[in-house]
């Protein structure tokens, strides 16, 4: 069975070949990404949440992070 994101059998990728949040959202849905953000928030992983939210906003898939919304 092929991996949902990479299309390879075991999800292998070339070294340094990074998938983006848009790839994850396309494979699993934006709602799944939002659920994961909620899990990360619940465990205090604020840096990870901020990084993912910034990448979502840059890809046009989500609201900008709170500090960017508040500064507008």
N, C-alpha and C. Protein backbone atom coordinates (compact mmCIF):
# COMPACT_ATOMS: atom_id res chain seq x y z
N UNK A 1 0.85 -1.18 0.00
CA UNK A 1 0.00 0.00 0.00
C UNK A 1 0.89 1.24 0.00
N UNK A 2 0.56 2.23 -0.80
CA UNK A 2 1.36 3.44 -0.91
C UNK A 2 1.05 4.41 0.23
N UNK A 3 2.07 5.11 0.67
CA UNK A 3 1.94 6.13 1.70
C UNK A 3 1.08 7.27 1.17
N UNK A 4 0.21 7.83 2.01
CA UNK A 4 -0.75 8.85 1.58
C UNK A 4 -0.10 10.11 1.04
N UNK A 5 1.03 10.50 1.57
CA UNK A 5 1.66 11.75 1.13
C UNK A 5 2.72 11.51 0.07
N UNK A 6 3.63 10.58 0.32
CA UNK A 6 4.76 10.43 -0.58
C UNK A 6 4.48 9.57 -1.80
N UNK A 7 3.50 8.69 -1.68
CA UNK A 7 3.19 7.80 -2.78
C UNK A 7 4.13 6.61 -2.87
N UNK A 8 5.10 6.53 -1.97
CA UNK A 8 6.02 5.41 -1.95
C UNK A 8 5.51 4.34 -1.00
N UNK A 9 6.09 3.18 -1.08
CA UNK A 9 5.60 2.07 -0.26
C UNK A 9 5.74 2.33 1.24
N UNK A 10 6.85 2.87 1.68
CA UNK A 10 7.07 3.07 3.11
C UNK A 10 7.15 4.53 3.49
N UNK A 11 6.74 5.43 2.62
CA UNK A 11 6.79 6.84 2.94
C UNK A 11 8.18 7.43 2.80
N UNK A 12 9.09 6.73 2.16
CA UNK A 12 10.46 7.21 2.03
C UNK A 12 10.56 8.44 1.14
N UNK A 13 11.50 9.29 1.49
CA UNK A 13 11.76 10.49 0.70
C UNK A 13 13.26 10.65 0.58
N UNK A 14 13.67 11.38 -0.41
CA UNK A 14 15.09 11.66 -0.57
C UNK A 14 15.56 12.54 0.60
N UNK A 15 16.79 12.36 1.04
CA UNK A 15 17.31 13.20 2.14
C UNK A 15 17.17 14.68 1.81
N UNK A 16 16.66 15.44 2.78
CA UNK A 16 16.47 16.87 2.58
C UNK A 16 15.21 17.24 1.81
N UNK A 17 14.46 16.26 1.36
CA UNK A 17 13.23 16.51 0.61
C UNK A 17 12.08 16.64 1.59
N UNK A 18 11.72 17.86 1.92
CA UNK A 18 10.72 18.13 2.96
C UNK A 18 9.34 18.30 2.35
N UNK A 19 8.34 17.65 2.95
CA UNK A 19 6.98 17.90 2.51
C UNK A 19 6.47 19.13 3.24
N UNK A 20 5.56 19.84 2.64
CA UNK A 20 5.00 21.02 3.26
C UNK A 20 3.65 20.74 3.88
N UNK A 21 3.17 21.71 4.62
CA UNK A 21 1.87 21.57 5.28
C UNK A 21 0.75 21.45 4.25
N UNK A 22 0.93 22.05 3.08
CA UNK A 22 -0.07 21.92 2.02
C UNK A 22 -0.20 20.46 1.58
N UNK A 23 0.95 19.75 1.53
CA UNK A 23 0.92 18.33 1.17
C UNK A 23 0.17 17.51 2.23
N UNK A 24 0.42 17.83 3.49
CA UNK A 24 -0.25 17.13 4.59
C UNK A 24 -1.75 17.42 4.55
N UNK A 25 -2.11 18.68 4.37
CA UNK A 25 -3.53 19.06 4.32
C UNK A 25 -4.22 18.40 3.13
N UNK A 26 -3.52 18.31 2.00
CA UNK A 26 -4.12 17.67 0.82
C UNK A 26 -4.35 16.18 1.06
N UNK A 27 -3.43 15.55 1.77
CA UNK A 27 -3.56 14.11 2.01
C UNK A 27 -4.55 13.77 3.10
N UNK A 28 -4.57 14.57 4.17
CA UNK A 28 -5.38 14.22 5.35
C UNK A 28 -6.51 15.19 5.64
N UNK A 29 -6.50 16.36 5.02
CA UNK A 29 -7.53 17.36 5.24
C UNK A 29 -7.08 18.42 6.24
N UNK A 30 -7.56 19.63 6.03
CA UNK A 30 -7.21 20.75 6.91
C UNK A 30 -7.73 20.50 8.32
N UNK A 31 -8.87 19.82 8.43
CA UNK A 31 -9.43 19.53 9.75
C UNK A 31 -8.49 18.65 10.57
N UNK A 32 -7.83 17.69 9.92
CA UNK A 32 -6.87 16.85 10.63
C UNK A 32 -5.68 17.67 11.11
N UNK A 33 -5.25 18.62 10.29
CA UNK A 33 -4.15 19.50 10.69
C UNK A 33 -4.58 20.34 11.89
N UNK A 34 -5.80 20.86 11.86
CA UNK A 34 -6.30 21.66 12.98
C UNK A 34 -6.40 20.82 14.26
N UNK A 35 -6.83 19.57 14.14
CA UNK A 35 -6.88 18.68 15.31
C UNK A 35 -5.48 18.47 15.88
N UNK A 36 -4.51 18.32 15.00
CA UNK A 36 -3.13 18.14 15.47
C UNK A 36 -2.63 19.41 16.15
N UNK A 37 -2.99 20.56 15.63
CA UNK A 37 -2.62 21.82 16.29
C UNK A 37 -3.22 21.89 17.68
N UNK A 38 -4.46 21.45 17.83
CA UNK A 38 -5.09 21.43 19.15
C UNK A 38 -4.34 20.50 20.10
N UNK A 39 -3.89 19.35 19.59
CA UNK A 39 -3.11 18.42 20.43
C UNK A 39 -1.79 19.06 20.85
N UNK A 40 -1.14 19.72 19.92
CA UNK A 40 0.14 20.37 20.23
C UNK A 40 -0.05 21.49 21.26
N UNK A 41 -1.12 22.27 21.11
CA UNK A 41 -1.41 23.33 22.09
C UNK A 41 -1.63 22.73 23.48
N UNK A 42 -2.37 21.63 23.53
CA UNK A 42 -2.69 21.00 24.81
C UNK A 42 -1.45 20.50 25.54
N UNK A 43 -0.40 20.20 24.79
CA UNK A 43 0.83 19.71 25.41
C UNK A 43 1.90 20.79 25.51
N UNK A 44 1.52 22.03 25.20
CA UNK A 44 2.45 23.15 25.37
C UNK A 44 3.49 23.30 24.28
N UNK A 45 3.24 22.74 23.13
CA UNK A 45 4.19 22.81 22.01
C UNK A 45 3.95 24.08 21.19
N UNK A 46 4.12 25.24 21.81
CA UNK A 46 3.76 26.51 21.19
C UNK A 46 4.61 26.84 19.98
N UNK A 47 5.90 26.51 20.01
CA UNK A 47 6.77 26.80 18.88
C UNK A 47 6.29 26.03 17.64
N UNK A 48 5.95 24.77 17.82
CA UNK A 48 5.47 23.95 16.70
C UNK A 48 4.15 24.50 16.17
N UNK A 49 3.26 24.88 17.08
CA UNK A 49 1.96 25.44 16.66
C UNK A 49 2.19 26.70 15.83
N UNK A 50 3.04 27.57 16.31
CA UNK A 50 3.30 28.82 15.61
C UNK A 50 3.89 28.55 14.22
N UNK A 51 4.83 27.64 14.13
CA UNK A 51 5.45 27.33 12.84
C UNK A 51 4.43 26.77 11.85
N UNK A 52 3.59 25.86 12.31
CA UNK A 52 2.59 25.25 11.43
C UNK A 52 1.55 26.29 11.02
N UNK A 53 1.10 27.13 11.94
CA UNK A 53 0.12 28.17 11.61
C UNK A 53 0.69 29.14 10.58
N UNK A 54 1.96 29.50 10.71
CA UNK A 54 2.57 30.40 9.74
C UNK A 54 2.63 29.75 8.36
N UNK A 55 2.95 28.47 8.32
CA UNK A 55 3.01 27.78 7.04
C UNK A 55 1.61 27.63 6.43
N UNK A 56 0.60 27.38 7.26
CA UNK A 56 -0.77 27.31 6.77
C UNK A 56 -1.20 28.64 6.17
N UNK A 57 -0.90 29.73 6.87
CA UNK A 57 -1.27 31.06 6.38
C UNK A 57 -0.56 31.37 5.07
N UNK A 58 0.72 31.03 4.98
CA UNK A 58 1.48 31.29 3.76
C UNK A 58 0.94 30.48 2.58
N UNK A 59 0.40 29.30 2.86
CA UNK A 59 -0.16 28.45 1.81
C UNK A 59 -1.61 28.82 1.50
N UNK A 60 -2.16 29.79 2.24
CA UNK A 60 -3.55 30.19 2.02
C UNK A 60 -4.55 29.19 2.55
N UNK A 61 -4.15 28.38 3.54
CA UNK A 61 -5.02 27.33 4.05
C UNK A 61 -5.56 27.59 5.44
N UNK A 62 -5.24 28.71 6.01
CA UNK A 62 -5.72 28.97 7.36
C UNK A 62 -5.55 30.42 7.72
N UNK A 63 -6.11 30.78 8.86
CA UNK A 63 -5.98 32.13 9.37
C UNK A 63 -4.54 32.37 9.79
N UNK A 64 -4.08 33.60 9.68
CA UNK A 64 -2.71 33.87 10.16
C UNK A 64 -2.62 33.68 11.65
N UNK A 65 -1.40 33.46 12.16
CA UNK A 65 -1.21 33.31 13.60
C UNK A 65 -1.72 34.53 14.35
N UNK A 66 -2.04 34.35 15.61
CA UNK A 66 -2.66 35.39 16.43
C UNK A 66 -1.89 36.70 16.40
N UNK A 67 -0.55 36.65 16.49
CA UNK A 67 0.20 37.91 16.52
C UNK A 67 0.10 38.66 15.19
N UNK A 68 -0.09 37.96 14.09
CA UNK A 68 -0.28 38.64 12.82
C UNK A 68 -1.69 39.19 12.68
N UNK A 69 -2.68 38.47 13.21
CA UNK A 69 -4.07 38.96 13.17
C UNK A 69 -4.20 40.21 14.03
N UNK A 70 -3.56 40.22 15.20
CA UNK A 70 -3.68 41.34 16.12
C UNK A 70 -2.98 42.60 15.64
N UNK A 71 -1.93 42.45 14.83
CA UNK A 71 -1.18 43.61 14.37
C UNK A 71 -1.83 44.33 13.20
N UNK A 72 -2.81 43.70 12.57
CA UNK A 72 -3.45 44.30 11.39
C UNK A 72 -4.43 45.39 11.78
